[in-house]
Amino acid sequence: MTSQTPVPTHPVLGLTHRFVPGTDPHRPPLLLLHGTGGDENDLVPLGRAIAPGAALLSARGAVLENGMPRFFRRLAEGVFDEADLRRRAGELADFVTAARTAYGLPAPIAVGFSNGANIAAATLLLHPGTFAGAVLIRAMVPFADSPPADLAGCPVLMLSGASDPIVPAGNARALAQTLTGRGASVDHVVLPVGHGLSQADIDRATPWLAGLRSA
């Protein structure tokens, strides 16, 4: 794996990001976390599609890998730098806390794709309570030994790809089992797709998120 360096961050909130105010007060806000090579604009169209009217908080990863933003370092494809992952998960939790104060938001639903889904899963396990739930698209097990988190009742939708060349089916199942074992309410759906985002993800995430609307 080649050069991975920090990128400039927001001087107050901690991560470069984009905020889109919501128009539907009954929709929980979404925290959008891009995949490798994306940025804070990458998943805004997805957020608008799956949760119309929700406030959107979209962050940019603070590490560059060959010029491409990521949320944490890796040693090779599918091999995470776990020390850096723990550090970056803490930074993401701090960012969410600061952004909630700055924008007057309740706890968000994390919506992460690939690298973004992995940092979301790590943050769920290391900092329970940061998110009100999560949509994890093509996520992997983040830690060799998962922390003993209390995720009682936390709703999680995992969307895996049946022909994903990056995330083995057994690895995705292990993550679903880990989250369930920590008390999360996990819906794990395996779609007939590969690693990339698809219409099938939108079709599954949209009604699931609609079910989380506030009273």
Protein backbone atom coordinates (compact mmCIF):
# COMPACT_ATOMS: atom_id res chain seq x y z
CA MET A 1 0.00 0.00 0.00
CA THR A 2 1.43 3.39 -0.98
CA SER A 3 1.49 6.87 0.52
CA GLN A 4 -1.36 7.79 2.88
CA THR A 5 -1.28 11.31 4.29
CA PRO A 6 -3.65 13.61 6.21
CA VAL A 7 -5.80 16.15 4.37
CA PRO A 8 -6.82 19.63 5.61
CA THR A 9 -9.76 19.54 8.00
CA HIS A 10 -12.41 21.92 9.30
CA PRO A 11 -10.70 24.15 11.91
CA VAL A 12 -13.57 23.87 14.40
CA LEU A 13 -15.61 20.73 13.74
CA GLY A 14 -12.65 18.55 12.79
CA LEU A 15 -13.57 17.19 9.35
CA THR A 16 -14.13 18.84 6.00
CA HIS A 17 -17.83 18.39 5.33
CA ARG A 18 -21.01 19.60 3.67
CA PHE A 19 -24.26 20.27 5.50
CA VAL A 20 -27.66 20.30 3.77
CA PRO A 21 -30.49 21.46 6.08
CA GLY A 22 -33.56 19.26 6.26
CA THR A 23 -37.12 20.15 5.31
CA ASP A 24 -38.89 17.28 7.11
CA PRO A 25 -38.59 17.52 10.91
CA HIS A 26 -39.78 13.93 11.29
CA ARG A 27 -36.77 12.58 9.40
CA PRO A 28 -33.64 11.84 11.42
CA PRO A 29 -30.54 13.41 9.86
CA LEU A 30 -28.15 11.28 7.83
CA LEU A 31 -24.38 11.21 8.27
CA LEU A 32 -23.00 10.33 4.82
CA LEU A 33 -19.63 8.54 4.66
CA HIS A 34 -18.13 8.02 1.21
CA GLY A 35 -16.03 5.19 -0.17
CA THR A 36 -12.35 5.41 -1.15
CA GLY A 37 -11.83 8.29 -3.57
CA GLY A 38 -15.06 10.09 -2.73
CA ASP A 39 -15.56 13.36 -0.91
CA GLU A 40 -18.21 15.31 0.98
CA ASN A 41 -20.28 15.74 -2.19
CA ASP A 42 -20.20 12.11 -3.27
CA LEU A 43 -23.17 10.65 -1.39
CA VAL A 44 -25.42 13.72 -1.19
CA PRO A 45 -27.54 12.51 -4.16
CA LEU A 46 -27.88 9.12 -2.46
CA GLY A 47 -28.97 10.78 0.78
CA ARG A 48 -31.59 12.82 -1.04
CA ALA A 49 -32.87 9.71 -2.80
CA ILE A 50 -33.19 7.44 0.23
CA ALA A 51 -34.42 10.01 2.77
CA PRO A 52 -36.19 12.93 1.07
CA GLY A 53 -36.34 15.95 3.35
CA ALA A 54 -33.74 14.70 5.84
CA ALA A 55 -30.87 16.92 6.92
CA LEU A 56 -27.62 15.65 5.40
CA LEU A 57 -24.21 15.87 7.04
CA SER A 58 -21.59 14.58 4.62
CA ALA A 59 -17.97 14.23 5.76
CA ARG A 60 -14.71 13.82 3.88
CA GLY A 61 -12.20 11.23 5.07
CA ALA A 62 -9.07 12.69 6.66
CA VAL A 63 -6.51 10.35 5.02
CA LEU A 64 -5.24 10.39 1.45
CA GLU A 65 -4.24 7.16 -0.27
CA ASN A 66 -2.61 7.87 -3.62
CA GLY A 67 -4.48 11.16 -3.65
CA MET A 68 -7.84 9.54 -2.81
CA PRO A 69 -9.66 10.45 0.43
CA ARG A 70 -10.34 7.66 2.92
CA PHE A 71 -11.52 7.58 6.52
CA PHE A 72 -8.60 5.50 7.85
CA ARG A 73 -5.38 3.87 6.75
CA ARG A 74 -5.08 0.33 5.47
CA LEU A 75 -2.06 -1.92 5.08
CA ALA A 76 -3.38 -3.74 2.01
CA GLU A 77 -6.72 -4.44 0.32
CA GLY A 78 -9.00 -5.67 3.11
CA VAL A 79 -6.25 -5.33 5.76
CA PHE A 80 -6.93 -2.41 8.08
CA ASP A 81 -4.49 -0.42 10.20
CA GLU A 82 -6.52 -1.06 13.36
CA ALA A 83 -4.66 1.48 15.50
CA ASP A 84 -5.42 4.20 12.97
CA LEU A 85 -8.99 2.94 12.60
CA ARG A 86 -9.56 3.30 16.34
CA ARG A 87 -8.12 6.81 16.29
CA ARG A 88 -10.18 7.88 13.28
CA ALA A 89 -13.37 6.40 14.74
CA GLY A 90 -12.82 8.55 17.81
CA GLU A 91 -12.31 11.60 15.61
CA LEU A 92 -15.51 10.82 13.72
CA ALA A 93 -17.45 10.51 16.98
CA ASP A 94 -16.05 13.86 18.11
CA PHE A 95 -17.00 15.40 14.75
CA VAL A 96 -20.57 14.16 15.09
CA THR A 97 -20.83 15.61 18.59
CA ALA A 98 -19.51 19.00 17.42
CA ALA A 99 -21.68 19.05 14.31
CA ARG A 100 -24.81 18.22 16.28
CA THR A 101 -24.16 21.26 18.45
CA ALA A 102 -23.26 23.51 15.51
CA TYR A 103 -26.29 22.55 13.40
CA GLY A 104 -28.80 21.68 16.13
CA LEU A 105 -29.18 18.03 15.12
CA PRO A 106 -30.32 14.90 16.93
CA ALA A 107 -28.16 11.79 16.65
CA PRO A 108 -27.83 10.91 12.95
CA ILE A 109 -28.28 7.69 11.03
CA ALA A 110 -24.89 6.83 9.53
CA VAL A 111 -25.04 5.87 5.85
CA GLY A 112 -21.68 4.53 4.76
CA PHE A 113 -20.44 2.93 1.56
CA SER A 114 -17.38 0.64 1.49
CA ASN A 115 -14.63 2.51 3.42
CA GLY A 116 -17.34 4.77 4.84
CA ALA A 117 -19.35 1.75 5.96
CA ASN A 118 -16.28 0.33 7.67
CA ILE A 119 -15.58 3.51 9.67
CA ALA A 120 -19.28 3.59 10.59
CA ALA A 121 -19.15 -0.01 11.82
CA ALA A 122 -15.99 0.75 13.83
CA THR A 123 -17.61 3.82 15.38
CA LEU A 124 -20.72 1.83 16.29
CA LEU A 125 -18.55 -0.66 18.17
CA LEU A 126 -16.17 1.81 19.81
CA HIS A 127 -18.51 4.73 20.51
CA PRO A 128 -22.08 3.45 21.01
CA GLY A 129 -24.61 6.26 21.06
CA THR A 130 -22.86 8.31 18.38
CA PHE A 131 -25.41 7.15 15.80
CA ALA A 132 -29.14 6.53 16.09
CA GLY A 133 -28.70 3.72 13.57
CA ALA A 134 -26.75 2.84 10.45
CA VAL A 135 -27.01 1.75 6.84
CA LEU A 136 -23.82 -0.17 6.06
CA ILE A 137 -23.31 -0.74 2.34
CA ARG A 138 -20.60 -3.35 1.54
CA ALA A 139 -19.16 -3.28 5.06
CA MET A 140 -16.50 -5.61 6.44
CA VAL A 141 -15.52 -6.71 9.95
CA PRO A 142 -13.45 -3.73 11.19
CA PHE A 143 -11.50 -5.40 14.02
CA ALA A 144 -9.93 -8.80 14.51
CA ASP A 145 -11.24 -8.69 18.09
CA SER A 146 -14.44 -6.65 18.28
CA PRO A 147 -14.98 -4.39 21.31
CA PRO A 148 -17.69 -5.37 23.84
CA ALA A 149 -20.10 -2.56 22.86
CA ASP A 150 -23.68 -2.17 24.09
CA LEU A 151 -25.77 -1.56 20.97
CA ALA A 152 -29.11 -2.55 22.51
CA GLY A 153 -31.90 -1.78 20.07
CA CYS A 154 -29.72 0.15 17.60
CA PRO A 155 -31.22 -0.38 14.11
CA VAL A 156 -28.72 -1.42 11.44
CA LEU A 157 -29.32 -2.25 7.79
CA MET A 158 -26.46 -4.13 6.14
CA LEU A 159 -26.49 -4.34 2.35
CA SER A 160 -23.99 -6.84 0.95
CA GLY A 161 -23.28 -7.89 -2.63
CA ALA A 162 -23.58 -11.54 -3.64
CA SER A 163 -20.79 -11.07 -6.22
CA ASP A 164 -18.70 -8.56 -4.27
CA PRO A 165 -15.02 -9.23 -5.11
CA ILE A 166 -13.79 -7.22 -2.11
CA VAL A 167 -15.97 -8.32 0.83
CA PRO A 168 -16.20 -12.12 1.27
CA ALA A 169 -19.67 -13.38 2.11
CA GLY A 170 -18.44 -14.96 5.34
CA ASN A 171 -16.88 -11.70 6.46
CA ALA A 172 -20.14 -9.79 5.94
CA ARG A 173 -22.07 -12.47 7.84
CA ALA A 174 -19.54 -12.27 10.68
CA LEU A 175 -20.07 -8.50 10.97
CA ALA A 176 -23.85 -8.96 11.06
CA GLN A 177 -23.44 -11.59 13.78
CA THR A 178 -21.09 -9.35 15.77
CA LEU A 179 -23.50 -6.41 15.70
CA THR A 180 -26.42 -8.66 16.57
CA GLY A 181 -24.41 -10.14 19.43
CA ARG A 182 -23.85 -6.63 20.78
CA GLY A 183 -27.62 -6.07 20.86
CA ALA A 184 -28.20 -4.22 17.58
CA SER A 185 -31.35 -4.91 15.57
CA VAL A 186 -29.73 -5.99 12.31
CA ASP A 187 -31.34 -6.52 8.91
CA HIS A 188 -28.71 -8.13 6.69
CA VAL A 189 -29.69 -8.25 3.03
CA VAL A 190 -27.53 -9.84 0.32
CA LEU A 191 -28.28 -8.26 -3.04
CA PRO A 192 -27.52 -9.67 -6.51
CA VAL A 193 -24.83 -7.03 -7.13
CA GLY A 194 -21.09 -6.51 -6.82
CA HIS A 195 -19.23 -3.96 -4.72
CA GLY A 196 -20.55 -0.78 -6.33
CA LEU A 197 -23.63 1.18 -5.33
CA SER A 198 -26.78 0.14 -7.16
CA GLN A 199 -30.46 0.92 -7.54
CA ALA A 200 -31.10 -2.15 -5.42
CA ASP A 201 -29.40 -0.39 -2.48
CA ILE A 202 -31.71 2.60 -2.90
CA ASP A 203 -34.75 0.35 -3.16
CA ARG A 204 -33.86 -1.41 0.11
CA ALA A 205 -32.64 1.59 2.11
CA THR A 206 -35.52 3.93 1.27
CA PRO A 207 -38.38 2.03 3.00
CA TRP A 208 -36.09 0.96 5.84
CA LEU A 209 -35.21 4.57 6.62
CA ALA A 210 -38.86 5.62 6.23
CA GLY A 211 -39.64 3.24 9.09
CA LEU A 212 -37.31 5.20 11.36
CA ARG A 213 -39.22 8.47 11.02
CA SER A 214 -39.68 10.32 14.30
CA ALA A 215 -43.15 10.71 15.77
